[in-house]
Amino acid sequence: MPTLEHGWNLHVSARPGDLDAVVRLVLPVLARHVCHGKFARDPDTLRRLNSGAVRDRAVGKAITVVRSTAASWARA
């Protein structure tokens, strides 16, 4: 995937009971396109994230995919 002048984030939602299946679908795509991401480690963690107890902006984000900018790669 080419480096862009601007970065982006993609948030993927999942129900706790579907987390494993969604992660199994998304991880091969991330690996194929050399994107970085983070995901809830288990259904209980996702329930906690979705409750708002961690932080409001974490609600609905089972997986976050991050594509860095050319400038951020240069700073790394």
PDB file of N, CA and C in Angstrom:
ATOM      1  N   MET A   1       0.858  -1.170   0.000  1.00  0.00           N
ATOM      2  CA  MET A   1       0.000   0.000   0.000  1.00  0.00           C
ATOM      3  C   MET A   1       0.901   1.229   0.000  1.00  0.00           C
ATOM      4  N   PRO A   2       0.660   2.183  -0.878  1.00  0.00           N
ATOM      5  CA  PRO A   2       1.532   3.362  -0.941  1.00  0.00           C
ATOM      6  C   PRO A   2       1.366   4.252   0.288  1.00  0.00           C
ATOM      7  N   THR A   3       2.436   4.935   0.641  1.00  0.00           N
ATOM      8  CA  THR A   3       2.386   5.888   1.745  1.00  0.00           C
ATOM      9  C   THR A   3       1.688   7.145   1.258  1.00  0.00           C
ATOM     10  N   LEU A   4       0.768   7.652   2.042  1.00  0.00           N
ATOM     11  CA  LEU A   4      -0.004   8.840   1.678  1.00  0.00           C
ATOM     12  C   LEU A   4       0.546  10.051   2.411  1.00  0.00           C
ATOM     13  N   GLU A   5       0.168  11.219   1.930  1.00  0.00           N
ATOM     14  CA  GLU A   5       0.577  12.450   2.604  1.00  0.00           C
ATOM     15  C   GLU A   5      -0.186  12.655   3.910  1.00  0.00           C
ATOM     16  N   HIS A   6      -1.311  11.988   4.051  1.00  0.00           N
ATOM     17  CA  HIS A   6      -2.108  12.116   5.267  1.00  0.00           C
ATOM     18  C   HIS A   6      -2.406  10.716   5.795  1.00  0.00           C
ATOM     19  N   GLY A   7      -2.539  10.590   7.081  1.00  0.00           N
ATOM     20  CA  GLY A   7      -2.846   9.308   7.682  1.00  0.00           C
ATOM     21  C   GLY A   7      -4.344   9.126   7.833  1.00  0.00           C
ATOM     22  N   TRP A   8      -4.731   7.960   8.259  1.00  0.00           N
ATOM     23  CA  TRP A   8      -6.142   7.687   8.505  1.00  0.00           C
ATOM     24  C   TRP A   8      -6.258   6.569   9.529  1.00  0.00           C
ATOM     25  N   ASN A   9      -7.411   6.511  10.160  1.00  0.00           N
ATOM     26  CA  ASN A   9      -7.766   5.433  11.084  1.00  0.00           C
ATOM     27  C   ASN A   9      -9.060   4.815  10.598  1.00  0.00           C
ATOM     28  N   LEU A  10      -9.151   3.509  10.708  1.00  0.00           N
ATOM     29  CA  LEU A  10     -10.375   2.784  10.391  1.00  0.00           C
ATOM     30  C   LEU A  10     -10.784   2.039  11.655  1.00  0.00           C
ATOM     31  N   HIS A  11     -12.007   2.244  12.100  1.00  0.00           N
ATOM     32  CA  HIS A  11     -12.507   1.581  13.299  1.00  0.00           C
ATOM     33  C   HIS A  11     -13.510   0.517  12.883  1.00  0.00           C
ATOM     34  N   VAL A  12     -13.326  -0.685  13.402  1.00  0.00           N
ATOM     35  CA  VAL A  12     -14.212  -1.810  13.107  1.00  0.00           C
ATOM     36  C   VAL A  12     -14.944  -2.164  14.396  1.00  0.00           C
ATOM     37  N   SER A  13     -16.246  -2.227  14.307  1.00  0.00           N
ATOM     38  CA  SER A  13     -17.061  -2.593  15.460  1.00  0.00           C
ATOM     39  C   SER A  13     -17.362  -4.086  15.428  1.00  0.00           C
ATOM     40  N   ALA A  14     -17.581  -4.660  16.594  1.00  0.00           N
ATOM     41  CA  ALA A  14     -17.979  -6.064  16.698  1.00  0.00           C
ATOM     42  C   ALA A  14     -18.672  -6.263  18.033  1.00  0.00           C
ATOM     43  N   ARG A  15     -19.562  -7.213  18.077  1.00  0.00           N
ATOM     44  CA  ARG A  15     -20.151  -7.619  19.347  1.00  0.00           C
ATOM     45  C   ARG A  15     -19.151  -8.527  20.043  1.00  0.00           C
ATOM     46  N   PRO A  16     -19.138  -8.531  21.366  1.00  0.00           N
ATOM     47  CA  PRO A  16     -18.188  -9.384  22.073  1.00  0.00           C
ATOM     48  C   PRO A  16     -18.219 -10.852  21.621  1.00  0.00           C
ATOM     49  N   GLY A  17     -19.382 -11.379  21.364  1.00  0.00           N
ATOM     50  CA  GLY A  17     -19.500 -12.766  20.923  1.00  0.00           C
ATOM     51  C   GLY A  17     -18.961 -13.015  19.515  1.00  0.00           C
ATOM     52  N   ASP A  18     -18.807 -11.957  18.730  1.00  0.00           N
ATOM     53  CA  ASP A  18     -18.312 -12.076  17.356  1.00  0.00           C
ATOM     54  C   ASP A  18     -16.862 -11.637  17.211  1.00  0.00           C
ATOM     55  N   LEU A  19     -16.234 -11.204  18.293  1.00  0.00           N
ATOM     56  CA  LEU A  19     -14.892 -10.626  18.220  1.00  0.00           C
ATOM     57  C   LEU A  19     -13.888 -11.567  17.562  1.00  0.00           C
ATOM     58  N   ASP A  20     -13.838 -12.819  17.982  1.00  0.00           N
ATOM     59  CA  ASP A  20     -12.850 -13.750  17.421  1.00  0.00           C
ATOM     60  C   ASP A  20     -13.014 -13.895  15.914  1.00  0.00           C
ATOM     61  N   ALA A  21     -14.238 -14.050  15.454  1.00  0.00           N
ATOM     62  CA  ALA A  21     -14.487 -14.213  14.015  1.00  0.00           C
ATOM     63  C   ALA A  21     -14.095 -12.959  13.238  1.00  0.00           C
ATOM     64  N   VAL A  22     -14.409 -11.792  13.785  1.00  0.00           N
ATOM     65  CA  VAL A  22     -14.074 -10.539  13.106  1.00  0.00           C
ATOM     66  C   VAL A  22     -12.556 -10.353  13.045  1.00  0.00           C
ATOM     67  N   VAL A  23     -11.862 -10.634  14.138  1.00  0.00           N
ATOM     68  CA  VAL A  23     -10.398 -10.514  14.153  1.00  0.00           C
ATOM     69  C   VAL A  23      -9.785 -11.476  13.130  1.00  0.00           C
ATOM     70  N   ARG A  24     -10.302 -12.705  13.050  1.00  0.00           N
ATOM     71  CA  ARG A  24      -9.784 -13.673  12.070  1.00  0.00           C
ATOM     72  C   ARG A  24      -9.984 -13.200  10.636  1.00  0.00           C
ATOM     73  N   LEU A  25     -11.017 -12.436  10.388  1.00  0.00           N
ATOM     74  CA  LEU A  25     -11.248 -11.888   9.042  1.00  0.00           C
ATOM     75  C   LEU A  25     -10.359 -10.688   8.744  1.00  0.00           C
ATOM     76  N   VAL A  26     -10.140  -9.839   9.733  1.00  0.00           N
ATOM     77  CA  VAL A  26      -9.426  -8.577   9.524  1.00  0.00           C
ATOM     78  C   VAL A  26      -7.901  -8.745   9.514  1.00  0.00           C
ATOM     79  N   LEU A  27      -7.350  -9.584  10.391  1.00  0.00           N
ATOM     80  CA  LEU A  27      -5.889  -9.702  10.495  1.00  0.00           C
ATOM     81  C   LEU A  27      -5.197 -10.079   9.187  1.00  0.00           C
ATOM     82  N   PRO A  28      -5.707 -11.014   8.384  1.00  0.00           N
ATOM     83  CA  PRO A  28      -5.038 -11.312   7.116  1.00  0.00           C
ATOM     84  C   PRO A  28      -5.025 -10.119   6.155  1.00  0.00           C
ATOM     85  N   VAL A  29      -6.067  -9.311   6.196  1.00  0.00           N
ATOM     86  CA  VAL A  29      -6.116  -8.119   5.338  1.00  0.00           C
ATOM     87  C   VAL A  29      -5.062  -7.119   5.788  1.00  0.00           C
ATOM     88  N   LEU A  30      -4.927  -6.914   7.103  1.00  0.00           N
ATOM     89  CA  LEU A  30      -3.902  -6.001   7.622  1.00  0.00           C
ATOM     90  C   LEU A  30      -2.510  -6.477   7.223  1.00  0.00           C
ATOM     91  N   ALA A  31      -2.271  -7.762   7.347  1.00  0.00           N
ATOM     92  CA  ALA A  31      -0.957  -8.306   6.999  1.00  0.00           C
ATOM     93  C   ALA A  31      -0.683  -8.156   5.503  1.00  0.00           C
ATOM     94  N   ARG A  32      -1.683  -8.387   4.688  1.00  0.00           N
ATOM     95  CA  ARG A  32      -1.518  -8.292   3.233  1.00  0.00           C
ATOM     96  C   ARG A  32      -1.233  -6.855   2.797  1.00  0.00           C
ATOM     97  N   HIS A  33      -1.803  -5.880   3.477  1.00  0.00           N
ATOM     98  CA  HIS A  33      -1.649  -4.484   3.073  1.00  0.00           C
ATOM     99  C   HIS A  33      -0.675  -3.713   3.964  1.00  0.00           C
ATOM    100  N   VAL A  34       0.025  -4.387   4.820  1.00  0.00           N
ATOM    101  CA  VAL A  34       1.030  -3.792   5.706  1.00  0.00           C
ATOM    102  C   VAL A  34       0.473  -2.586   6.463  1.00  0.00           C
ATOM    103  N   CYS A  35      -0.651  -2.792   7.090  1.00  0.00           N
ATOM    104  CA  CYS A  35      -1.237  -1.778   7.966  1.00  0.00           C
ATOM    105  C   CYS A  35      -1.011  -2.233   9.408  1.00  0.00           C
ATOM    106  N   HIS A  36      -1.055  -1.289  10.293  1.00  0.00           N
ATOM    107  CA  HIS A  36      -0.926  -1.597  11.703  1.00  0.00           C
ATOM    108  C   HIS A  36      -2.290  -1.492  12.348  1.00  0.00           C
ATOM    109  N   GLY A  37      -2.492  -2.257  13.382  1.00  0.00           N
ATOM    110  CA  GLY A  37      -3.777  -2.189  14.057  1.00  0.00           C
ATOM    111  C   GLY A  37      -3.674  -2.678  15.485  1.00  0.00           C
ATOM    112  N   LYS A  38      -4.729  -2.427  16.213  1.00  0.00           N
ATOM    113  CA  LYS A  38      -4.833  -2.948  17.569  1.00  0.00           C
ATOM    114  C   LYS A  38      -6.269  -3.408  17.753  1.00  0.00           C
ATOM    115  N   PHE A  39      -6.442  -4.384  18.630  1.00  0.00           N
ATOM    116  CA  PHE A  39      -7.777  -4.913  18.826  1.00  0.00           C
ATOM    117  C   PHE A  39      -7.962  -5.350  20.265  1.00  0.00           C
ATOM    118  N   ALA A  40      -9.222  -5.404  20.662  1.00  0.00           N
ATOM    119  CA  ALA A  40      -9.546  -5.879  22.007  1.00  0.00           C
ATOM    120  C   ALA A  40      -9.051  -7.314  22.140  1.00  0.00           C
ATOM    121  N   ARG A  41      -8.378  -7.618  23.227  1.00  0.00           N
ATOM    122  CA  ARG A  41      -7.734  -8.935  23.365  1.00  0.00           C
ATOM    123  C   ARG A  41      -8.718 -10.068  23.578  1.00  0.00           C
ATOM    124  N   ASP A  42      -9.918  -9.754  24.108  1.00  0.00           N
ATOM    125  CA  ASP A  42     -10.904 -10.812  24.352  1.00  0.00           C
ATOM    126  C   ASP A  42     -12.279 -10.160  24.509  1.00  0.00           C
ATOM    127  N   PRO A  43     -13.341 -10.983  24.482  1.00  0.00           N
ATOM    128  CA  PRO A  43     -14.696 -10.427  24.598  1.00  0.00           C
ATOM    129  C   PRO A  43     -14.926  -9.613  25.866  1.00  0.00           C
ATOM    130  N   ASP A  44     -14.333 -10.019  26.992  1.00  0.00           N
ATOM    131  CA  ASP A  44     -14.519  -9.243  28.238  1.00  0.00           C
ATOM    132  C   ASP A  44     -13.899  -7.854  28.119  1.00  0.00           C
ATOM    133  N   THR A  45     -12.734  -7.760  27.488  1.00  0.00           N
ATOM    134  CA  THR A  45     -12.100  -6.454  27.273  1.00  0.00           C
ATOM    135  C   THR A  45     -12.978  -5.593  26.372  1.00  0.00           C
ATOM    136  N   LEU A  46     -13.544  -6.192  25.326  1.00  0.00           N
ATOM    137  CA  LEU A  46     -14.426  -5.433  24.430  1.00  0.00           C
ATOM    138  C   LEU A  46     -15.669  -4.949  25.165  1.00  0.00           C
ATOM    139  N   ARG A  47     -16.231  -5.789  26.026  1.00  0.00           N
ATOM    140  CA  ARG A  47     -17.390  -5.346  26.824  1.00  0.00           C
ATOM    141  C   ARG A  47     -17.025  -4.128  27.677  1.00  0.00           C
ATOM    142  N   ARG A  48     -15.835  -4.170  28.283  1.00  0.00           N
ATOM    143  CA  ARG A  48     -15.380  -3.046  29.120  1.00  0.00           C
ATOM    144  C   ARG A  48     -15.172  -1.791  28.276  1.00  0.00           C
ATOM    145  N   LEU A  49     -14.561  -1.953  27.092  1.00  0.00           N
ATOM    146  CA  LEU A  49     -14.376  -0.801  26.195  1.00  0.00           C
ATOM    147  C   LEU A  49     -15.724  -0.206  25.791  1.00  0.00           C
ATOM    148  N   ASN A  50     -16.664  -1.072  25.450  1.00  0.00           N
ATOM    149  CA  ASN A  50     -17.975  -0.599  24.995  1.00  0.00           C
ATOM    150  C   ASN A  50     -18.831  -0.030  26.110  1.00  0.00           C
ATOM    151  N   SER A  51     -18.481  -0.306  27.358  1.00  0.00           N
ATOM    152  CA  SER A  51     -19.256   0.230  28.480  1.00  0.00           C
ATOM    153  C   SER A  51     -18.978   1.713  28.706  1.00  0.00           C
ATOM    154  N   GLY A  52     -17.856   2.199  28.154  1.00  0.00           N
ATOM    155  CA  GLY A  52     -17.466   3.582  28.389  1.00  0.00           C
ATOM    156  C   GLY A  52     -16.634   3.754  29.646  1.00  0.00           C
ATOM    157  N   ALA A  53     -16.380   2.663  30.367  1.00  0.00           N
ATOM    158  CA  ALA A  53     -15.614   2.744  31.612  1.00  0.00           C
ATOM    159  C   ALA A  53     -14.150   3.110  31.361  1.00  0.00           C
ATOM    160  N   VAL A  54     -13.620   2.727  30.213  1.00  0.00           N
ATOM    161  CA  VAL A  54     -12.223   3.021  29.898  1.00  0.00           C
ATOM    162  C   VAL A  54     -12.099   4.466  29.450  1.00  0.00           C
ATOM    163  N   ARG A  55     -12.783   4.816  28.386  1.00  0.00           N
ATOM    164  CA  ARG A  55     -12.937   6.203  27.920  1.00  0.00           C
ATOM    165  C   ARG A  55     -14.035   6.228  26.868  1.00  0.00           C
ATOM    166  N   ASP A  56     -14.718   7.327  26.799  1.00  0.00           N
ATOM    167  CA  ASP A  56     -15.860   7.445  25.882  1.00  0.00           C
ATOM    168  C   ASP A  56     -15.482   7.149  24.444  1.00  0.00           C
ATOM    169  N   ARG A  57     -14.319   7.600  24.019  1.00  0.00           N
ATOM    170  CA  ARG A  57     -13.945   7.444  22.617  1.00  0.00           C
ATOM    171  C   ARG A  57     -13.563   6.011  22.253  1.00  0.00           C
ATOM    172  N   ALA A  58     -13.487   5.108  23.218  1.00  0.00           N
ATOM    173  CA  ALA A  58     -13.181   3.703  22.940  1.00  0.00           C
ATOM    174  C   ALA A  58     -14.428   2.895  22.582  1.00  0.00           C
ATOM    175  N   VAL A  59     -15.605   3.442  22.865  1.00  0.00           N
ATOM    176  CA  VAL A  59     -16.853   2.720  22.611  1.00  0.00           C
ATOM    177  C   VAL A  59     -17.006   2.441  21.117  1.00  0.00           C
ATOM    178  N   GLY A  60     -17.317   1.196  20.789  1.00  0.00           N
ATOM    179  CA  GLY A  60     -17.577   0.806  19.406  1.00  0.00           C
ATOM    180  C   GLY A  60     -16.336   0.482  18.599  1.00  0.00           C
ATOM    181  N   LYS A  61     -15.197   0.407  19.227  1.00  0.00           N
ATOM    182  CA  LYS A  61     -13.948   0.182  18.500  1.00  0.00           C
ATOM    183  C   LYS A  61     -13.326  -1.150  18.916  1.00  0.00           C
ATOM    184  N   ALA A  62     -13.773  -2.215  18.283  1.00  0.00           N
ATOM    185  CA  ALA A  62     -13.198  -3.528  18.555  1.00  0.00           C
ATOM    186  C   ALA A  62     -11.806  -3.619  17.945  1.00  0.00           C
ATOM    187  N   ILE A  63     -11.650  -3.014  16.765  1.00  0.00           N
ATOM    188  CA  ILE A  63     -10.372  -3.001  16.053  1.00  0.00           C
ATOM    189  C   ILE A  63     -10.130  -1.588  15.546  1.00  0.00           C
ATOM    190  N   THR A  64      -8.922  -1.099  15.685  1.00  0.00           N
ATOM    191  CA  THR A  64      -8.524   0.179  15.102  1.00  0.00           C
ATOM    192  C   THR A  64      -7.354  -0.082  14.167  1.00  0.00           C
ATOM    193  N   VAL A  65      -7.526   0.278  12.907  1.00  0.00           N
ATOM    194  CA  VAL A  65      -6.480   0.135  11.895  1.00  0.00           C
ATOM    195  C   VAL A  65      -5.899   1.513  11.655  1.00  0.00           C
ATOM    196  N   VAL A  66      -4.575   1.608  11.666  1.00  0.00           N
ATOM    197  CA  VAL A  66      -3.886   2.889  11.523  1.00  0.00           C
ATOM    198  C   VAL A  66      -2.993   2.839  10.303  1.00  0.00           C
ATOM    199  N   ARG A  67      -3.126   3.818   9.447  1.00  0.00           N
ATOM    200  CA  ARG A  67      -2.219   3.966   8.303  1.00  0.00           C
ATOM    201  C   ARG A  67      -1.462   5.253   8.516  1.00  0.00           C
ATOM    202  N   SER A  68      -0.157   5.159   8.682  1.00  0.00           N
ATOM    203  CA  SER A  68       0.666   6.316   8.992  1.00  0.00           C
ATOM    204  C   SER A  68       0.937   7.168   7.769  1.00  0.00           C
ATOM    205  N   THR A  69       1.322   8.396   8.010  1.00  0.00           N
ATOM    206  CA  THR A  69       1.669   9.327   6.950  1.00  0.00           C
ATOM    207  C   THR A  69       3.142   9.187   6.601  1.00  0.00           C
ATOM    208  N   ALA A  70       3.505   9.718   5.466  1.00  0.00           N
ATOM    209  CA  ALA A  70       4.920   9.721   5.055  1.00  0.00           C
ATOM    210  C   ALA A  70       5.752  10.474   6.087  1.00  0.00           C
ATOM    211  N   ALA A  71       5.229  11.580   6.614  1.00  0.00           N
ATOM    212  CA  ALA A  71       5.962  12.381   7.597  1.00  0.00           C
ATOM    213  C   ALA A  71       6.181  11.611   8.892  1.00  0.00           C
ATOM    214  N   SER A  72       5.177  10.846   9.320  1.00  0.00           N
ATOM    215  CA  SER A  72       5.343  10.112  10.573  1.00  0.00           C
ATOM    216  C   SER A  72       6.356   8.986  10.414  1.00  0.00           C
ATOM    217  N   TRP A  73       6.448   8.385   9.233  1.00  0.00           N
ATOM    218  CA  TRP A  73       7.461   7.369   8.986  1.00  0.00           C
ATOM    219  C   TRP A  73       8.858   8.010   9.020  1.00  0.00           C
ATOM    220  N   ALA A  74       8.970   9.218   8.502  1.00  0.00           N
ATOM    221  CA  ALA A  74      10.254   9.909   8.486  1.00  0.00           C
ATOM    222  C   ALA A  74      10.699  10.251   9.906  1.00  0.00           C
ATOM    223  N   ARG A  75       9.738  10.547  10.811  1.00  0.00           N
ATOM    224  CA  ARG A  75      10.060  10.897  12.192  1.00  0.00           C
ATOM    225  C   ARG A  75      10.410   9.666  13.014  1.00  0.00           C
ATOM    226  N   ALA A  76       9.967   8.503  12.586  1.00  0.00           N
ATOM    227  CA  ALA A  76      10.159   7.276  13.390  1.00  0.00           C
ATOM    228  C   ALA A  76      11.605   6.825  13.405  1.00  0.00           C
TER     229      ALA A  76
END
